[in-house]
Protein backbone atom coordinates (compact mmCIF):
# COMPACT_ATOMS: atom_id res chain seq x y z
CA GLN A 1 193.69 199.62 51.45
CA VAL A 2 196.37 197.85 53.45
CA GLN A 3 197.48 194.26 53.07
CA LEU A 4 199.06 192.37 55.96
CA VAL A 5 201.11 189.20 55.47
CA GLU A 6 202.30 187.09 58.38
CA SER A 7 205.31 184.80 58.32
CA GLY A 8 207.51 182.84 60.71
CA GLY A 9 205.09 180.33 62.15
CA GLY A 10 205.58 176.61 62.40
CA LEU A 11 206.14 173.72 64.76
CA VAL A 12 208.34 174.18 67.82
CA GLN A 13 209.02 172.16 70.95
CA PRO A 14 207.96 173.43 74.37
CA GLY A 15 210.52 175.89 75.66
CA GLY A 16 211.50 176.92 72.16
CA SER A 17 211.22 180.25 70.36
CA LEU A 18 209.68 181.65 67.21
CA ARG A 19 209.57 185.11 65.68
CA LEU A 20 206.49 186.10 63.74
CA SER A 21 206.61 188.92 61.21
CA CYS A 22 203.77 190.99 59.81
CA ALA A 23 204.58 192.99 56.70
CA ALA A 24 202.19 195.73 55.64
CA SER A 25 201.81 196.99 52.08
CA GLY A 26 199.42 199.19 50.15
CA SER A 27 198.13 202.67 50.91
CA ILE A 28 199.93 203.17 54.17
CA PHE A 29 199.93 206.36 56.16
CA THR A 30 200.42 204.59 59.42
CA ILE A 31 200.03 200.98 60.47
CA TYR A 32 199.59 201.75 64.14
CA PRO A 33 198.18 200.64 66.43
CA MET A 34 199.23 197.13 65.53
CA GLY A 35 198.38 193.94 67.36
CA TRP A 36 198.83 190.21 67.36
CA TYR A 37 195.86 187.99 68.14
CA ARG A 38 195.59 184.24 68.34
CA GLN A 39 192.83 181.70 68.14
CA ALA A 40 193.14 178.22 69.54
CA PRO A 41 190.84 175.43 68.36
CA GLY A 42 187.39 175.80 69.90
CA LYS A 43 188.25 179.13 71.51
CA GLN A 44 187.62 182.76 70.76
CA ARG A 45 190.25 184.96 69.20
CA GLU A 46 192.22 186.77 71.89
CA LEU A 47 194.62 189.69 71.97
CA VAL A 48 198.21 188.61 72.56
CA ALA A 49 200.13 191.87 72.22
CA ARG A 50 199.50 195.39 70.99
CA MET A 51 201.74 198.32 70.11
CA THR A 52 200.98 201.99 69.42
CA SER A 53 202.92 204.47 67.31
CA GLY A 54 204.22 206.03 70.51
CA GLY A 55 205.75 202.73 71.56
CA THR A 56 203.23 201.77 74.22
CA ARG A 57 203.01 197.99 74.46
CA ASN A 58 200.36 195.84 76.07
CA TYR A 59 200.43 192.10 76.58
CA ALA A 60 198.02 189.40 77.63
CA ASP A 61 198.83 188.19 81.13
CA SER A 62 199.51 184.71 79.77
CA VAL A 63 202.44 185.91 77.63
CA LYS A 64 203.98 188.67 79.76
CA GLY A 65 207.69 188.14 80.20
CA ARG A 66 207.83 185.65 77.31
CA PHE A 67 206.60 187.55 74.23
CA THR A 68 207.82 190.87 72.86
CA ILE A 69 206.17 192.99 70.18
CA SER A 70 208.34 195.38 68.17
CA GLY A 71 208.19 197.33 64.95
CA ASP A 72 210.39 198.47 62.08
CA ASN A 73 208.80 201.60 60.67
CA ALA A 74 211.12 201.71 57.65
CA LYS A 75 209.88 198.28 56.62
CA ASN A 76 206.27 198.72 57.77
CA THR A 77 206.74 195.48 59.64
CA VAL A 78 205.80 194.39 63.13
CA TYR A 79 207.31 191.41 64.90
CA LEU A 80 206.30 189.12 67.72
CA GLN A 81 209.21 187.42 69.43
CA MET A 82 207.91 184.40 71.32
CA ASN A 83 210.18 182.71 73.85
CA SER A 84 209.64 179.89 76.35
CA LEU A 85 206.75 178.64 74.27
CA LYS A 86 204.15 176.42 75.87
CA PRO A 87 201.65 173.98 74.34
CA GLU A 88 198.87 176.41 75.29
CA ASP A 89 200.43 178.98 72.94
CA THR A 90 199.32 176.80 70.02
CA GLY A 91 196.91 178.45 67.63
CA VAL A 92 196.51 180.58 64.55
CA TYR A 93 198.15 183.95 65.00
CA TYR A 94 196.73 186.98 63.25
CA CYS A 95 198.22 190.38 62.64
CA ASN A 96 195.90 193.37 62.99
CA SER A 97 196.27 197.03 62.07
CA ARG A 98 193.74 199.70 63.12
CA PRO A 99 194.78 203.10 61.86
CA GLY A 100 191.94 205.56 62.45
CA LEU A 101 188.59 203.94 61.64
CA SER A 102 190.15 201.19 59.53
CA ASP A 103 190.59 197.59 60.61
CA TYR A 104 192.90 195.28 58.66
CA TRP A 105 193.71 191.63 59.28
CA GLY A 106 196.28 189.22 57.96
CA GLN A 107 195.35 185.76 56.79
CA GLY A 108 196.73 184.10 59.90
CA ILE A 109 199.63 181.75 60.49
CA GLN A 110 199.78 178.51 62.43
CA VAL A 111 201.95 178.14 65.50
CA THR A 112 202.12 174.68 67.04
CA VAL A 113 203.98 174.00 70.26
CA SER A 114 204.38 170.27 70.76
CA SER A 115 206.96 167.66 71.58
């Protein structure tokens, strides 16, 4: 079993930045592929960014050029650097790990972009 804990969310003004962290613990062989999803009020959860063990990264079109996913294997932690934030980036952000047939989720963390 793997536990995922997100941190780093909060309130930020448009144009600002935040860095989310997702720390994995438990019976870890690998945490990859890892992804960040978000869910805005009244909308479905959507993939924001995804990263494989080989370093392949994929991003939603809406965040390309603004968000960067990265990982620290020694710490079993994945990050999401979010720059040039927009009000439409507001939502609950979830960390997800899918090693093999497993599927683990964090509890989610709120990100609010507002002036």
